Every structure is written in structure tokens, then in C-alpha cells.
N, C-alpha and C. Protein backbone atom coordinates (compact mmCIF):
# COMPACT_ATOMS: atom_id res chain seq x y z
N MET A 1 235.14 116.01 52.82
CA MET A 1 235.72 116.52 54.05
C MET A 1 236.75 115.54 54.60
N ARG A 2 236.39 114.28 54.71
CA ARG A 2 237.32 113.30 55.26
C ARG A 2 238.56 113.14 54.38
N GLU A 3 238.40 113.35 53.09
CA GLU A 3 239.54 113.21 52.19
C GLU A 3 240.63 114.23 52.51
N SER A 4 240.25 115.36 53.05
CA SER A 4 241.24 116.38 53.37
C SER A 4 241.90 116.13 54.73
N VAL A 5 241.33 115.24 55.52
CA VAL A 5 241.83 115.00 56.87
C VAL A 5 242.51 113.64 57.00
N LEU A 6 241.92 112.62 56.38
CA LEU A 6 242.42 111.26 56.53
C LEU A 6 243.40 110.90 55.42
N PRO A 7 244.29 109.94 55.69
CA PRO A 7 245.17 109.44 54.63
C PRO A 7 244.34 108.82 53.51
N ALA A 8 244.89 108.81 52.30
CA ALA A 8 244.15 108.32 51.13
C ALA A 8 243.73 106.86 51.24
N ASP A 9 244.40 106.07 52.07
CA ASP A 9 244.04 104.65 52.19
C ASP A 9 243.41 104.31 53.53
N HIS A 10 242.82 105.29 54.18
CA HIS A 10 242.21 105.07 55.50
C HIS A 10 240.87 104.36 55.36
N GLU A 11 240.64 103.38 56.23
CA GLU A 11 239.43 102.57 56.18
C GLU A 11 238.16 103.42 56.31
N GLU A 12 238.18 104.41 57.16
CA GLU A 12 236.99 105.25 57.36
C GLU A 12 236.66 106.08 56.12
N LEU A 13 237.66 106.43 55.34
CA LEU A 13 237.42 107.15 54.10
C LEU A 13 236.64 106.25 53.14
N GLY A 14 237.01 104.99 53.10
CA GLY A 14 236.29 104.04 52.25
C GLY A 14 234.83 103.93 52.65
N GLN A 15 234.56 103.91 53.94
CA GLN A 15 233.18 103.83 54.41
C GLN A 15 232.41 105.10 54.04
N SER A 16 233.05 106.24 54.15
CA SER A 16 232.40 107.49 53.78
C SER A 16 232.08 107.52 52.29
N LEU A 17 233.01 107.07 51.47
CA LEU A 17 232.77 107.01 50.04
C LEU A 17 231.61 106.08 49.72
N ASN A 18 231.58 104.95 50.41
CA ASN A 18 230.49 103.99 50.20
C ASN A 18 229.14 104.61 50.60
N ASN A 19 229.12 105.31 51.72
CA ASN A 19 227.88 105.95 52.16
C ASN A 19 227.39 107.00 51.17
N LEU A 20 228.32 107.79 50.67
CA LEU A 20 227.95 108.82 49.69
C LEU A 20 227.45 108.17 48.40
N ALA A 21 228.11 107.10 47.99
CA ALA A 21 227.66 106.37 46.80
C ALA A 21 226.26 105.81 47.00
N ALA A 22 225.97 105.29 48.17
CA ALA A 22 224.64 104.76 48.47
C ALA A 22 223.58 105.86 48.39
N LEU A 23 223.93 107.04 48.85
CA LEU A 23 223.01 108.17 48.77
C LEU A 23 222.70 108.50 47.31
N TYR A 24 223.74 108.60 46.49
CA TYR A 24 223.54 108.86 45.06
C TYR A 24 222.73 107.74 44.42
N ASN A 25 223.02 106.50 44.82
CA ASN A 25 222.30 105.36 44.27
C ASN A 25 220.81 105.45 44.61
N ASP A 26 220.50 105.78 45.85
CA ASP A 26 219.11 105.93 46.27
C ASP A 26 218.39 107.03 45.49
N ARG A 27 219.14 108.04 45.10
CA ARG A 27 218.56 109.16 44.33
C ARG A 27 218.60 108.91 42.82
N LYS A 28 218.98 107.67 42.48
CA LYS A 28 219.07 107.25 41.07
C LYS A 28 220.08 108.06 40.26
N GLN A 29 221.10 108.55 40.94
CA GLN A 29 222.19 109.27 40.28
C GLN A 29 223.36 108.30 40.13
N TYR A 30 223.13 107.30 39.29
CA TYR A 30 224.07 106.20 39.16
C TYR A 30 225.43 106.62 38.60
N ASP A 31 225.43 107.65 37.76
CA ASP A 31 226.69 108.13 37.20
C ASP A 31 227.61 108.71 38.27
N LYS A 32 227.03 109.22 39.35
CA LYS A 32 227.83 109.72 40.48
C LYS A 32 228.15 108.60 41.47
N ALA A 33 227.26 107.63 41.59
CA ALA A 33 227.45 106.55 42.56
C ALA A 33 228.56 105.59 42.17
N GLN A 34 228.61 105.21 40.91
CA GLN A 34 229.53 104.17 40.47
C GLN A 34 231.00 104.46 40.78
N PRO A 35 231.52 105.64 40.44
CA PRO A 35 232.95 105.87 40.74
C PRO A 35 233.25 105.86 42.24
N LEU A 36 232.28 106.30 43.04
CA LEU A 36 232.49 106.29 44.48
C LEU A 36 232.49 104.87 45.03
N TYR A 37 231.57 104.03 44.53
CA TYR A 37 231.56 102.62 44.92
C TYR A 37 232.89 101.95 44.54
N GLU A 38 233.40 102.28 43.35
CA GLU A 38 234.65 101.68 42.90
C GLU A 38 235.82 102.10 43.79
N ARG A 39 235.86 103.37 44.15
CA ARG A 39 236.93 103.84 45.05
C ARG A 39 236.83 103.19 46.42
N ALA A 40 235.59 103.08 46.92
CA ALA A 40 235.39 102.45 48.22
C ALA A 40 235.84 101.00 48.19
N LEU A 41 235.51 100.29 47.12
CA LEU A 41 235.92 98.89 46.99
C LEU A 41 237.43 98.77 46.92
N GLN A 42 238.05 99.65 46.18
CA GLN A 42 239.52 99.65 46.07
C GLN A 42 240.17 99.85 47.44
N LEU A 43 239.63 100.77 48.22
CA LEU A 43 240.17 101.01 49.57
C LEU A 43 239.96 99.79 50.47
N ARG A 44 238.79 99.19 50.38
CA ARG A 44 238.53 98.00 51.20
C ARG A 44 239.49 96.87 50.87
N ARG A 45 239.80 96.72 49.60
CA ARG A 45 240.75 95.67 49.20
C ARG A 45 242.13 95.96 49.79
N LYS A 46 242.55 97.22 49.76
CA LYS A 46 243.85 97.58 50.33
C LYS A 46 243.88 97.31 51.83
N VAL A 47 242.83 97.72 52.53
CA VAL A 47 242.75 97.53 53.98
C VAL A 47 242.74 96.05 54.30
N ARG A 48 241.94 95.30 53.57
CA ARG A 48 241.84 93.85 53.81
C ARG A 48 243.19 93.18 53.59
N LYS A 49 243.89 93.61 52.54
CA LYS A 49 245.20 93.04 52.25
C LYS A 49 246.16 93.31 53.40
N LYS A 50 246.13 94.54 53.94
CA LYS A 50 246.99 94.87 55.07
C LYS A 50 246.66 94.01 56.28
N VAL A 51 245.38 93.81 56.54
CA VAL A 51 244.96 93.00 57.68
C VAL A 51 245.41 91.56 57.49
N LEU A 52 245.18 91.02 56.29
CA LEU A 52 245.57 89.63 56.03
C LEU A 52 247.07 89.45 56.07
N ASN A 53 247.82 90.45 55.57
CA ASN A 53 249.28 90.36 55.66
C ASN A 53 249.73 90.37 57.12
N GLY A 54 249.14 91.22 57.92
CA GLY A 54 249.47 91.27 59.34
C GLY A 54 249.11 89.97 60.04
N LEU A 55 247.96 89.42 59.70
CA LEU A 55 247.54 88.15 60.29
C LEU A 55 248.50 87.04 59.89
N GLY A 56 248.92 87.05 58.64
CA GLY A 56 249.87 86.04 58.16
C GLY A 56 251.20 86.13 58.90
N ARG A 57 251.69 87.35 59.10
CA ARG A 57 252.95 87.51 59.84
C ARG A 57 252.81 87.02 61.28
N CYS A 58 251.68 87.31 61.88
CA CYS A 58 251.43 86.88 63.25
C CYS A 58 251.45 85.36 63.34
N HIS A 59 250.75 84.70 62.41
CA HIS A 59 250.71 83.24 62.43
C HIS A 59 252.08 82.64 62.13
N THR A 60 252.82 83.27 61.23
CA THR A 60 254.16 82.78 60.91
C THR A 60 255.05 82.83 62.15
N LYS A 61 254.97 83.92 62.87
CA LYS A 61 255.78 84.06 64.08
C LYS A 61 255.37 83.06 65.15
N ARG A 62 254.10 82.70 65.16
CA ARG A 62 253.61 81.74 66.14
C ARG A 62 253.82 80.30 65.67
N GLY A 63 254.22 80.11 64.39
CA GLY A 63 254.47 78.77 63.89
C GLY A 63 253.23 78.06 63.39
N VAL A 64 252.19 78.77 63.06
CA VAL A 64 250.99 78.16 62.54
C VAL A 64 251.21 77.83 61.07
N ALA A 65 250.86 76.62 60.69
CA ALA A 65 251.08 76.17 59.32
C ALA A 65 250.18 76.92 58.35
N ALA A 66 250.71 77.22 57.18
CA ALA A 66 249.94 77.95 56.17
C ALA A 66 248.71 77.17 55.73
N SER A 67 248.81 75.84 55.72
CA SER A 67 247.68 75.04 55.28
C SER A 67 246.48 75.20 56.20
N ILE A 68 246.70 75.47 57.46
CA ILE A 68 245.61 75.69 58.39
C ILE A 68 244.91 77.00 58.07
N LEU A 69 245.66 78.01 57.69
CA LEU A 69 245.09 79.31 57.35
C LEU A 69 244.17 79.23 56.16
N LEU A 70 244.44 78.32 55.23
CA LEU A 70 243.61 78.19 54.05
C LEU A 70 242.23 77.65 54.37
N LEU A 71 242.06 77.04 55.51
CA LEU A 71 240.77 76.47 55.89
C LEU A 71 239.82 77.53 56.42
N VAL A 72 240.35 78.70 56.77
CA VAL A 72 239.51 79.76 57.35
C VAL A 72 238.75 80.50 56.28
């Protein structure tokens, strides 16, 4: 349902895919769970990358040294 409403890279879609995969996993339907977990992970990586890129731009504009960011 969410796939028809949300953009393909929306964070909430990833959470829904993860929840559905967990349901299949609990029911021992691993063949259905695995591809959903993989899609959810792929979406999380995209979202995380966007957040980190935005954070990096923010710090760059504020003049924060890149070496400080590596400590986080």
C-alpha cells in the first residue's frame, strides 16, 4: 500500500518493508523475508547517505573541520 503512495526512496517505506519482513521471519517464511529485509536496508542506506550529506554541507557552511566530523 505505501509503495503506491510514497516515493520509492521514502524512509517510511523502508520501515514498512522491514516490518513486513519481520512478520515473514516470525512465521519462518524466510524466502519472503530476505528480499524485503534487503530492500529495507538499501533504503536505509540511501536515507542515511542523504542525512550525512546534508549534515556535511551544514558543517562546511559553518566552517567545522572535517577531521572533527570523523570523531563522531
